[in-house]
């Protein structure tokens, strides 16, 4: 099983695209990318940010 990143650094504007894709608020995506929240959706958002949007995973 692959370890899930705690935080993800992304380019400006990626959070809005992720919010639309997952039908959640941009604020919630921001919180998720900054390591707050550990639901299935939060893990999926971080994974997609890294794999499809060029985000940088930060493991703490």
Protein backbone atom coordinates (compact mmCIF):
# COMPACT_ATOMS: atom_id res chain seq x y z
CA UNK A 1 0.00 0.00 0.00
CA UNK A 2 1.33 3.39 -1.03
CA UNK A 3 1.70 6.00 1.70
CA UNK A 4 -0.60 8.99 1.27
CA UNK A 5 1.00 12.46 1.38
CA UNK A 6 0.03 14.68 4.29
CA UNK A 7 0.37 17.93 2.33
CA UNK A 8 0.55 18.78 -1.36
CA UNK A 9 2.05 21.88 -2.94
CA UNK A 10 0.30 22.92 -6.17
CA UNK A 11 0.37 25.77 -8.64
CA UNK A 12 -2.05 28.67 -8.21
CA UNK A 13 -5.50 27.84 -9.57
CA UNK A 14 -5.26 24.08 -9.04
CA UNK A 15 -7.47 24.24 -5.97
CA UNK A 16 -10.33 25.76 -7.96
CA UNK A 17 -10.07 23.04 -10.60
CA UNK A 18 -10.04 20.34 -7.92
CA UNK A 19 -13.03 21.93 -6.16
CA UNK A 20 -15.06 21.85 -9.36
CA UNK A 21 -14.00 18.29 -10.16
CA UNK A 22 -14.90 16.93 -6.72
CA UNK A 23 -17.89 19.28 -6.20
CA UNK A 24 -16.59 20.73 -2.93
CA UNK A 25 -15.69 24.26 -1.85
CA UNK A 26 -12.30 25.79 -2.73
CA UNK A 27 -11.75 26.45 1.00
CA UNK A 28 -12.15 22.75 1.77
CA UNK A 29 -9.67 21.83 -0.98
CA UNK A 30 -7.20 24.35 0.47
CA UNK A 31 -7.56 22.77 3.91
CA UNK A 32 -7.09 19.27 2.47
CA UNK A 33 -3.96 20.25 0.51
CA UNK A 34 -2.55 21.78 3.70
CA UNK A 35 -2.92 18.54 5.64
CA UNK A 36 -6.24 19.07 7.40
CA UNK A 37 -8.74 16.25 7.00
CA UNK A 38 -8.21 12.58 6.37
CA UNK A 39 -11.39 11.32 4.70
CA UNK A 40 -11.48 9.17 1.58
CA UNK A 41 -12.31 12.25 -0.49
CA UNK A 42 -9.41 14.17 1.05
CA UNK A 43 -6.98 11.37 0.17
CA UNK A 44 -8.39 11.23 -3.37
CA UNK A 45 -7.99 14.99 -3.82
CA UNK A 46 -4.35 14.85 -2.68
CA UNK A 47 -3.64 11.88 -4.98
CA UNK A 48 -5.22 13.57 -8.02
CA UNK A 49 -3.38 16.82 -7.26
CA UNK A 50 -0.07 14.95 -7.43
CA UNK A 51 -0.78 12.58 -10.33
CA UNK A 52 -2.80 14.78 -12.68
CA UNK A 53 -2.02 18.37 -11.74
CA UNK A 54 1.73 18.15 -11.07
CA UNK A 55 1.51 18.72 -7.33
CA UNK A 56 4.48 18.03 -5.07
CA UNK A 57 3.76 15.57 -2.25
CA UNK A 58 5.08 16.50 1.20
CA UNK A 59 5.38 13.62 3.65
CA UNK A 60 5.63 14.55 7.32
